Amino acid sequence: MYKVYILKSKKDNKRYVGYSNDIERRLKEHNKGEVRSTFKRRPFKLIYFENYSNELEAKRRERFLKSGQGRKLLDTILSAKGGR
């Protein structure tokens, strides 16, 4: 099972979209500074995730959520959940 996850930086309040088959391990890697693209924005909190049965579906969803349309959809989803 793969998860597409949304992290929110406690430092600058910006979001990060990623995917992993082990979301707890991945969050720890982000918070330890082991991920080059996010180490300056630590710490992070997990604010949303979606489950996918395979890696290809998760990659496609991640790519979409990083697009303009995907960011707008994410704004809508997160504001409905109070996670924005």
PDB file of N, CA and C in Angstrom:
ATOM      1  N   MET A   1       0.840  -1.174   0.000  1.00  0.00           N
ATOM      2  CA  MET A   1       0.000   0.000   0.000  1.00  0.00           C
ATOM      3  C   MET A   1       0.890   1.245   0.000  1.00  0.00           C
ATOM      4  N   TYR A   2       0.588   2.172  -0.859  1.00  0.00           N
ATOM      5  CA  TYR A   2       1.305   3.440  -0.944  1.00  0.00           C
ATOM      6  C   TYR A   2       0.404   4.563  -0.474  1.00  0.00           C
ATOM      7  N   LYS A   3       1.024   5.602   0.049  1.00  0.00           N
ATOM      8  CA  LYS A   3       0.280   6.778   0.501  1.00  0.00           C
ATOM      9  C   LYS A   3       0.847   8.019  -0.173  1.00  0.00           C
ATOM     10  N   VAL A   4      -0.042   8.879  -0.626  1.00  0.00           N
ATOM     11  CA  VAL A   4       0.341  10.221  -1.038  1.00  0.00           C
ATOM     12  C   VAL A   4       0.093  11.077   0.191  1.00  0.00           C
ATOM     13  N   TYR A   5       1.104  11.834   0.601  1.00  0.00           N
ATOM     14  CA  TYR A   5       0.996  12.573   1.852  1.00  0.00           C
ATOM     15  C   TYR A   5       1.254  14.061   1.642  1.00  0.00           C
ATOM     16  N   ILE A   6       0.677  14.848   2.532  1.00  0.00           N
ATOM     17  CA  ILE A   6       0.876  16.289   2.531  1.00  0.00           C
ATOM     18  C   ILE A   6       1.459  16.655   3.888  1.00  0.00           C
ATOM     19  N   LEU A   7       2.603  17.297   3.846  1.00  0.00           N
ATOM     20  CA  LEU A   7       3.230  17.793   5.063  1.00  0.00           C
ATOM     21  C   LEU A   7       3.109  19.309   5.081  1.00  0.00           C
ATOM     22  N   LYS A   8       3.054  19.863   6.266  1.00  0.00           N
ATOM     23  CA  LYS A   8       3.051  21.315   6.416  1.00  0.00           C
ATOM     24  C   LYS A   8       4.248  21.689   7.281  1.00  0.00           C
ATOM     25  N   SER A   9       5.035  22.628   6.780  1.00  0.00           N
ATOM     26  CA  SER A   9       6.202  23.085   7.513  1.00  0.00           C
ATOM     27  C   SER A   9       5.765  23.959   8.676  1.00  0.00           C
ATOM     28  N   LYS A  10       6.280  23.664   9.854  1.00  0.00           N
ATOM     29  CA  LYS A  10       5.997  24.496  11.016  1.00  0.00           C
ATOM     30  C   LYS A  10       6.835  25.767  10.976  1.00  0.00           C
ATOM     31  N   LYS A  11       7.828  25.796  10.106  1.00  0.00           N
ATOM     32  CA  LYS A  11       8.713  26.950   9.988  1.00  0.00           C
ATOM     33  C   LYS A  11       8.122  28.024   9.082  1.00  0.00           C
ATOM     34  N   ASP A  12       7.640  27.621   7.893  1.00  0.00           N
ATOM     35  CA  ASP A  12       7.142  28.617   6.932  1.00  0.00           C
ATOM     36  C   ASP A  12       5.700  28.388   6.489  1.00  0.00           C
ATOM     37  N   ASN A  13       5.025  27.391   7.081  1.00  0.00           N
ATOM     38  CA  ASN A  13       3.620  27.055   6.775  1.00  0.00           C
ATOM     39  C   ASN A  13       3.378  26.615   5.337  1.00  0.00           C
ATOM     40  N   LYS A  14       4.417  26.293   4.591  1.00  0.00           N
ATOM     41  CA  LYS A  14       4.241  25.800   3.223  1.00  0.00           C
ATOM     42  C   LYS A  14       4.038  24.298   3.254  1.00  0.00           C
ATOM     43  N   ARG A  15       3.403  23.813   2.183  1.00  0.00           N
ATOM     44  CA  ARG A  15       3.106  22.382   2.083  1.00  0.00           C
ATOM     45  C   ARG A  15       4.145  21.670   1.234  1.00  0.00           C
ATOM     46  N   TYR A  16       4.256  20.377   1.485  1.00  0.00           N
ATOM     47  CA  TYR A  16       5.080  19.495   0.673  1.00  0.00           C
ATOM     48  C   TYR A  16       4.250  18.271   0.335  1.00  0.00           C
ATOM     49  N   VAL A  17       4.253  17.864  -0.927  1.00  0.00           N
ATOM     50  CA  VAL A  17       3.511  16.690  -1.396  1.00  0.00           C
ATOM     51  C   VAL A  17       4.515  15.604  -1.750  1.00  0.00           C
ATOM     52  N   GLY A  18       4.282  14.391  -1.270  1.00  0.00           N
ATOM     53  CA  GLY A  18       5.141  13.270  -1.593  1.00  0.00           C
ATOM     54  C   GLY A  18       4.358  11.974  -1.535  1.00  0.00           C
ATOM     55  N   TYR A  19       5.048  10.867  -1.800  1.00  0.00           N
ATOM     56  CA  TYR A  19       4.413   9.557  -1.662  1.00  0.00           C
ATOM     57  C   TYR A  19       5.429   8.579  -1.109  1.00  0.00           C
ATOM     58  N   SER A  20       4.914   7.550  -0.441  1.00  0.00           N
ATOM     59  CA  SER A  20       5.782   6.552   0.165  1.00  0.00           C
ATOM     60  C   SER A  20       4.974   5.312   0.514  1.00  0.00           C
ATOM     61  N   ASN A  21       5.672   4.202   0.658  1.00  0.00           N
ATOM     62  CA  ASN A  21       5.009   2.995   1.148  1.00  0.00           C
ATOM     63  C   ASN A  21       5.174   2.857   2.666  1.00  0.00           C
ATOM     64  N   ASP A  22       5.898   3.794   3.295  1.00  0.00           N
ATOM     65  CA  ASP A  22       6.062   3.818   4.746  1.00  0.00           C
ATOM     66  C   ASP A  22       6.045   5.279   5.198  1.00  0.00           C
ATOM     67  N   ILE A  23       4.862   5.769   5.446  1.00  0.00           N
ATOM     68  CA  ILE A  23       4.680   7.194   5.719  1.00  0.00           C
ATOM     69  C   ILE A  23       5.335   7.630   7.041  1.00  0.00           C
ATOM     70  N   GLU A  24       5.335   6.775   8.046  1.00  0.00           N
ATOM     71  CA  GLU A  24       5.956   7.127   9.327  1.00  0.00           C
ATOM     72  C   GLU A  24       7.464   7.285   9.169  1.00  0.00           C
ATOM     73  N   ARG A  25       8.098   6.356   8.470  1.00  0.00           N
ATOM     74  CA  ARG A  25       9.540   6.438   8.214  1.00  0.00           C
ATOM     75  C   ARG A  25       9.858   7.700   7.420  1.00  0.00           C
ATOM     76  N   ARG A  26       9.039   7.969   6.408  1.00  0.00           N
ATOM     77  CA  ARG A  26       9.290   9.118   5.535  1.00  0.00           C
ATOM     78  C   ARG A  26       9.158  10.432   6.299  1.00  0.00           C
ATOM     79  N   LEU A  27       8.172  10.548   7.165  1.00  0.00           N
ATOM     80  CA  LEU A  27       8.016  11.756   7.969  1.00  0.00           C
ATOM     81  C   LEU A  27       9.245  11.962   8.868  1.00  0.00           C
ATOM     82  N   LYS A  28       9.741  10.882   9.452  1.00  0.00           N
ATOM     83  CA  LYS A  28      10.949  10.972  10.282  1.00  0.00           C
ATOM     84  C   LYS A  28      12.136  11.448   9.457  1.00  0.00           C
ATOM     85  N   GLU A  29      12.266  10.943   8.227  1.00  0.00           N
ATOM     86  CA  GLU A  29      13.364  11.372   7.350  1.00  0.00           C
ATOM     87  C   GLU A  29      13.267  12.864   7.047  1.00  0.00           C
ATOM     88  N   HIS A  30      12.058  13.339   6.763  1.00  0.00           N
ATOM     89  CA  HIS A  30      11.875  14.775   6.514  1.00  0.00           C
ATOM     90  C   HIS A  30      12.280  15.577   7.752  1.00  0.00           C
ATOM     91  N   ASN A  31      11.828  15.158   8.915  1.00  0.00           N
ATOM     92  CA  ASN A  31      12.093  15.912  10.139  1.00  0.00           C
ATOM     93  C   ASN A  31      13.533  15.820  10.629  1.00  0.00           C
ATOM     94  N   LYS A  32      14.249  14.777  10.237  1.00  0.00           N
ATOM     95  CA  LYS A  32      15.665  14.656  10.598  1.00  0.00           C
ATOM     96  C   LYS A  32      16.562  15.436   9.637  1.00  0.00           C
ATOM     97  N   GLY A  33      15.996  15.944   8.543  1.00  0.00           N
ATOM     98  CA  GLY A  33      16.792  16.685   7.568  1.00  0.00           C
ATOM     99  C   GLY A  33      17.459  15.800   6.536  1.00  0.00           C
ATOM    100  N   GLU A  34      16.971  14.587   6.372  1.00  0.00           N
ATOM    101  CA  GLU A  34      17.566  13.636   5.435  1.00  0.00           C
ATOM    102  C   GLU A  34      17.042  13.787   4.014  1.00  0.00           C
ATOM    103  N   VAL A  35      16.066  14.666   3.802  1.00  0.00           N
ATOM    104  CA  VAL A  35      15.492  14.889   2.476  1.00  0.00           C
ATOM    105  C   VAL A  35      15.970  16.254   1.999  1.00  0.00           C
ATOM    106  N   ARG A  36      16.764  16.245   0.940  1.00  0.00           N
ATOM    107  CA  ARG A  36      17.416  17.462   0.469  1.00  0.00           C
ATOM    108  C   ARG A  36      16.442  18.593   0.151  1.00  0.00           C
ATOM    109  N   SER A  37      15.292  18.245  -0.432  1.00  0.00           N
ATOM    110  CA  SER A  37      14.352  19.280  -0.855  1.00  0.00           C
ATOM    111  C   SER A  37      13.604  19.932   0.303  1.00  0.00           C
ATOM    112  N   THR A  38      13.660  19.354   1.496  1.00  0.00           N
ATOM    113  CA  THR A  38      12.887  19.908   2.613  1.00  0.00           C
ATOM    114  C   THR A  38      13.701  20.218   3.863  1.00  0.00           C
ATOM    115  N   PHE A  39      14.988  19.944   3.875  1.00  0.00           N
ATOM    116  CA  PHE A  39      15.713  20.036   5.142  1.00  0.00           C
ATOM    117  C   PHE A  39      15.763  21.445   5.721  1.00  0.00           C
ATOM    118  N   LYS A  40      15.665  22.480   4.923  1.00  0.00           N
ATOM    119  CA  LYS A  40      15.695  23.850   5.436  1.00  0.00           C
ATOM    120  C   LYS A  40      14.343  24.304   5.985  1.00  0.00           C
ATOM    121  N   ARG A  41      13.297  23.501   5.755  1.00  0.00           N
ATOM    122  CA  ARG A  41      11.949  23.902   6.155  1.00  0.00           C
ATOM    123  C   ARG A  41      11.417  23.103   7.340  1.00  0.00           C
ATOM    124  N   ARG A  42      12.263  22.339   7.993  1.00  0.00           N
ATOM    125  CA  ARG A  42      11.861  21.524   9.133  1.00  0.00           C
ATOM    126  C   ARG A  42      11.445  22.388  10.300  1.00  0.00           C
ATOM    127  N   PRO A  43      10.644  21.860  11.194  1.00  0.00           N
ATOM    128  CA  PRO A  43       9.983  20.556  11.254  1.00  0.00           C
ATOM    129  C   PRO A  43       8.663  20.556  10.476  1.00  0.00           C
ATOM    130  N   PHE A  44       8.178  19.351  10.223  1.00  0.00           N
ATOM    131  CA  PHE A  44       6.938  19.145   9.478  1.00  0.00           C
ATOM    132  C   PHE A  44       5.920  18.397  10.322  1.00  0.00           C
ATOM    133  N   LYS A  45       4.656  18.622   9.974  1.00  0.00           N
ATOM    134  CA  LYS A  45       3.601  17.784  10.535  1.00  0.00           C
ATOM    135  C   LYS A  45       2.789  17.232   9.366  1.00  0.00           C
ATOM    136  N   LEU A  46       2.312  16.028   9.531  1.00  0.00           N
ATOM    137  CA  LEU A  46       1.475  15.380   8.529  1.00  0.00           C
ATOM    138  C   LEU A  46       0.072  15.961   8.648  1.00  0.00           C
ATOM    139  N   ILE A  47      -0.460  16.505   7.535  1.00  0.00           N
ATOM    140  CA  ILE A  47      -1.797  17.092   7.607  1.00  0.00           C
ATOM    141  C   ILE A  47      -2.829  16.353   6.767  1.00  0.00           C
ATOM    142  N   TYR A  48      -2.381  15.450   5.866  1.00  0.00           N
ATOM    143  CA  TYR A  48      -3.340  14.752   5.007  1.00  0.00           C
ATOM    144  C   TYR A  48      -2.626  13.614   4.295  1.00  0.00           C
ATOM    145  N   PHE A  49      -3.358  12.530   4.033  1.00  0.00           N
ATOM    146  CA  PHE A  49      -2.815  11.466   3.177  1.00  0.00           C
ATOM    147  C   PHE A  49      -3.952  10.714   2.507  1.00  0.00           C
ATOM    148  N   GLU A  50      -3.611  10.057   1.415  1.00  0.00           N
ATOM    149  CA  GLU A  50      -4.536   9.210   0.655  1.00  0.00           C
ATOM    150  C   GLU A  50      -3.852   7.872   0.410  1.00  0.00           C
ATOM    151  N   ASN A  51      -4.612   6.785   0.424  1.00  0.00           N
ATOM    152  CA  ASN A  51      -4.083   5.434   0.185  1.00  0.00           C
ATOM    153  C   ASN A  51      -4.237   5.027  -1.273  1.00  0.00           C
ATOM    154  N   TYR A  52      -3.222   4.328  -1.783  1.00  0.00           N
ATOM    155  CA  TYR A  52      -3.251   3.796  -3.144  1.00  0.00           C
ATOM    156  C   TYR A  52      -2.695   2.380  -3.125  1.00  0.00           C
ATOM    157  N   SER A  53      -3.238   1.556  -3.995  1.00  0.00           N
ATOM    158  CA  SER A  53      -2.866   0.144  -3.972  1.00  0.00           C
ATOM    159  C   SER A  53      -1.524  -0.134  -4.633  1.00  0.00           C
ATOM    160  N   ASN A  54      -1.032   0.789  -5.480  1.00  0.00           N
ATOM    161  CA  ASN A  54       0.264   0.560  -6.110  1.00  0.00           C
ATOM    162  C   ASN A  54       1.025   1.869  -6.317  1.00  0.00           C
ATOM    163  N   GLU A  55       2.302   1.723  -6.590  1.00  0.00           N
ATOM    164  CA  GLU A  55       3.189   2.873  -6.705  1.00  0.00           C
ATOM    165  C   GLU A  55       2.832   3.772  -7.886  1.00  0.00           C
ATOM    166  N   LEU A  56       2.430   3.211  -8.999  1.00  0.00           N
ATOM    167  CA  LEU A  56       2.094   4.008 -10.173  1.00  0.00           C
ATOM    168  C   LEU A  56       0.931   4.951  -9.898  1.00  0.00           C
ATOM    169  N   GLU A  57      -0.119   4.451  -9.247  1.00  0.00           N
ATOM    170  CA  GLU A  57      -1.260   5.310  -8.912  1.00  0.00           C
ATOM    171  C   GLU A  57      -0.832   6.434  -7.973  1.00  0.00           C
ATOM    172  N   ALA A  58       0.008   6.112  -6.997  1.00  0.00           N
ATOM    173  CA  ALA A  58       0.473   7.114  -6.040  1.00  0.00           C
ATOM    174  C   ALA A  58       1.318   8.181  -6.742  1.00  0.00           C
ATOM    175  N   LYS A  59       2.199   7.759  -7.651  1.00  0.00           N
ATOM    176  CA  LYS A  59       3.024   8.714  -8.406  1.00  0.00           C
ATOM    177  C   LYS A  59       2.171   9.655  -9.233  1.00  0.00           C
ATOM    178  N   ARG A  60       1.164   9.112  -9.877  1.00  0.00           N
ATOM    179  CA  ARG A  60       0.277   9.940 -10.705  1.00  0.00           C
ATOM    180  C   ARG A  60      -0.470  10.961  -9.862  1.00  0.00           C
ATOM    181  N   ARG A  61      -0.962  10.525  -8.695  1.00  0.00           N
ATOM    182  CA  ARG A  61      -1.690  11.441  -7.824  1.00  0.00           C
ATOM    183  C   ARG A  61      -0.756  12.521  -7.280  1.00  0.00           C
ATOM    184  N   GLU A  62       0.444  12.133  -6.895  1.00  0.00           N
ATOM    185  CA  GLU A  62       1.423  13.105  -6.409  1.00  0.00           C
ATOM    186  C   GLU A  62       1.702  14.159  -7.484  1.00  0.00           C
ATOM    187  N   ARG A  63       1.932  13.709  -8.689  1.00  0.00           N
ATOM    188  CA  ARG A  63       2.213  14.628  -9.798  1.00  0.00           C
ATOM    189  C   ARG A  63       1.042  15.577 -10.016  1.00  0.00           C
ATOM    190  N   PHE A  64      -0.189  15.047  -9.956  1.00  0.00           N
ATOM    191  CA  PHE A  64      -1.362  15.897 -10.133  1.00  0.00           C
ATOM    192  C   PHE A  64      -1.458  16.934  -9.015  1.00  0.00           C
ATOM    193  N   LEU A  65      -1.254  16.504  -7.761  1.00  0.00           N
ATOM    194  CA  LEU A  65      -1.384  17.428  -6.634  1.00  0.00           C
ATOM    195  C   LEU A  65      -0.320  18.525  -6.650  1.00  0.00           C
ATOM    196  N   LYS A  66       0.769  18.310  -7.371  1.00  0.00           N
ATOM    197  CA  LYS A  66       1.802  19.332  -7.510  1.00  0.00           C
ATOM    198  C   LYS A  66       1.519  20.287  -8.663  1.00  0.00           C
ATOM    199  N   SER A  67       0.498  19.994  -9.460  1.00  0.00           N
ATOM    200  CA  SER A  67       0.125  20.861 -10.582  1.00  0.00           C
ATOM    201  C   SER A  67      -0.770  21.994 -10.084  1.00  0.00           C
ATOM    202  N   GLY A  68      -1.031  22.957 -10.937  1.00  0.00           N
ATOM    203  CA  GLY A  68      -1.906  24.066 -10.576  1.00  0.00           C
ATOM    204  C   GLY A  68      -3.298  23.610 -10.183  1.00  0.00           C
ATOM    205  N   GLN A  69      -3.885  22.760 -10.997  1.00  0.00           N
ATOM    206  CA  GLN A  69      -5.221  22.232 -10.685  1.00  0.00           C
ATOM    207  C   GLN A  69      -5.205  21.426  -9.391  1.00  0.00           C
ATOM    208  N   GLY A  70      -4.163  20.643  -9.209  1.00  0.00           N
ATOM    209  CA  GLY A  70      -4.045  19.819  -8.011  1.00  0.00           C
ATOM    210  C   GLY A  70      -3.913  20.659  -6.753  1.00  0.00           C
ATOM    211  N   ARG A  71      -3.135  21.748  -6.831  1.00  0.00           N
ATOM    212  CA  ARG A  71      -2.997  22.637  -5.665  1.00  0.00           C
ATOM    213  C   ARG A  71      -4.330  23.273  -5.303  1.00  0.00           C
ATOM    214  N   LYS A  72      -5.105  23.643  -6.314  1.00  0.00           N
ATOM    215  CA  LYS A  72      -6.440  24.212  -6.046  1.00  0.00           C
ATOM    216  C   LYS A  72      -7.338  23.180  -5.381  1.00  0.00           C
ATOM    217  N   LEU A  73      -7.320  21.940  -5.888  1.00  0.00           N
ATOM    218  CA  LEU A  73      -8.118  20.875  -5.283  1.00  0.00           C
ATOM    219  C   LEU A  73      -7.673  20.634  -3.842  1.00  0.00           C
ATOM    220  N   LEU A  74      -6.377  20.623  -3.630  1.00  0.00           N
ATOM    221  CA  LEU A  74      -5.845  20.415  -2.293  1.00  0.00           C
ATOM    222  C   LEU A  74      -6.283  21.532  -1.340  1.00  0.00           C
ATOM    223  N   ASP A  75      -6.283  22.765  -1.816  1.00  0.00           N
ATOM    224  CA  ASP A  75      -6.786  23.882  -1.002  1.00  0.00           C
ATOM    225  C   ASP A  75      -8.219  23.609  -0.560  1.00  0.00           C
ATOM    226  N   THR A  76      -9.051  23.128  -1.495  1.00  0.00           N
ATOM    227  CA  THR A  76     -10.441  22.837  -1.197  1.00  0.00           C
ATOM    228  C   THR A  76     -10.562  21.699  -0.186  1.00  0.00           C
ATOM    229  N   ILE A  77      -9.828  20.619  -0.412  1.00  0.00           N
ATOM    230  CA  ILE A  77      -9.874  19.465   0.482  1.00  0.00           C
ATOM    231  C   ILE A  77      -9.421  19.855   1.894  1.00  0.00           C
ATOM    232  N   LEU A  78      -8.316  20.567   1.981  1.00  0.00           N
ATOM    233  CA  LEU A  78      -7.764  20.903   3.289  1.00  0.00           C
ATOM    234  C   LEU A  78      -8.606  21.941   4.027  1.00  0.00           C
ATOM    235  N   SER A  79      -9.206  22.870   3.298  1.00  0.00           N
ATOM    236  CA  SER A  79     -10.043  23.854   3.977  1.00  0.00           C
ATOM    237  C   SER A  79     -11.316  23.201   4.522  1.00  0.00           C
ATOM    238  N   ALA A  80     -11.824  22.175   3.821  1.00  0.00           N
ATOM    239  CA  ALA A  80     -12.992  21.442   4.291  1.00  0.00           C
ATOM    240  C   ALA A  80     -12.651  20.635   5.555  1.00  0.00           C
ATOM    241  N   LYS A  81     -11.403  20.180   5.664  1.00  0.00           N
ATOM    242  CA  LYS A  81     -10.972  19.388   6.813  1.00  0.00           C
ATOM    243  C   LYS A  81     -10.391  20.254   7.926  1.00  0.00           C
ATOM    244  N   GLY A  82     -10.260  21.543   7.672  1.00  0.00           N
ATOM    245  CA  GLY A  82      -9.696  22.430   8.677  1.00  0.00           C
ATOM    246  C   GLY A  82      -8.194  22.335   8.790  1.00  0.00           C
ATOM    247  N   GLY A  83      -7.517  21.760   7.778  1.00  0.00           N
ATOM    248  CA  GLY A  83      -6.073  21.566   7.853  1.00  0.00           C
ATOM    249  C   GLY A  83      -5.267  22.568   7.083  1.00  0.00           C
ATOM    250  N   ARG A  84      -5.843  23.645   6.686  1.00  0.00           N
ATOM    251  CA  ARG A  84      -5.136  24.611   5.859  1.00  0.00           C
ATOM    252  C   ARG A  84      -4.408  25.639   6.620  1.00  0.00           C
TER     253      ARG A  84
END
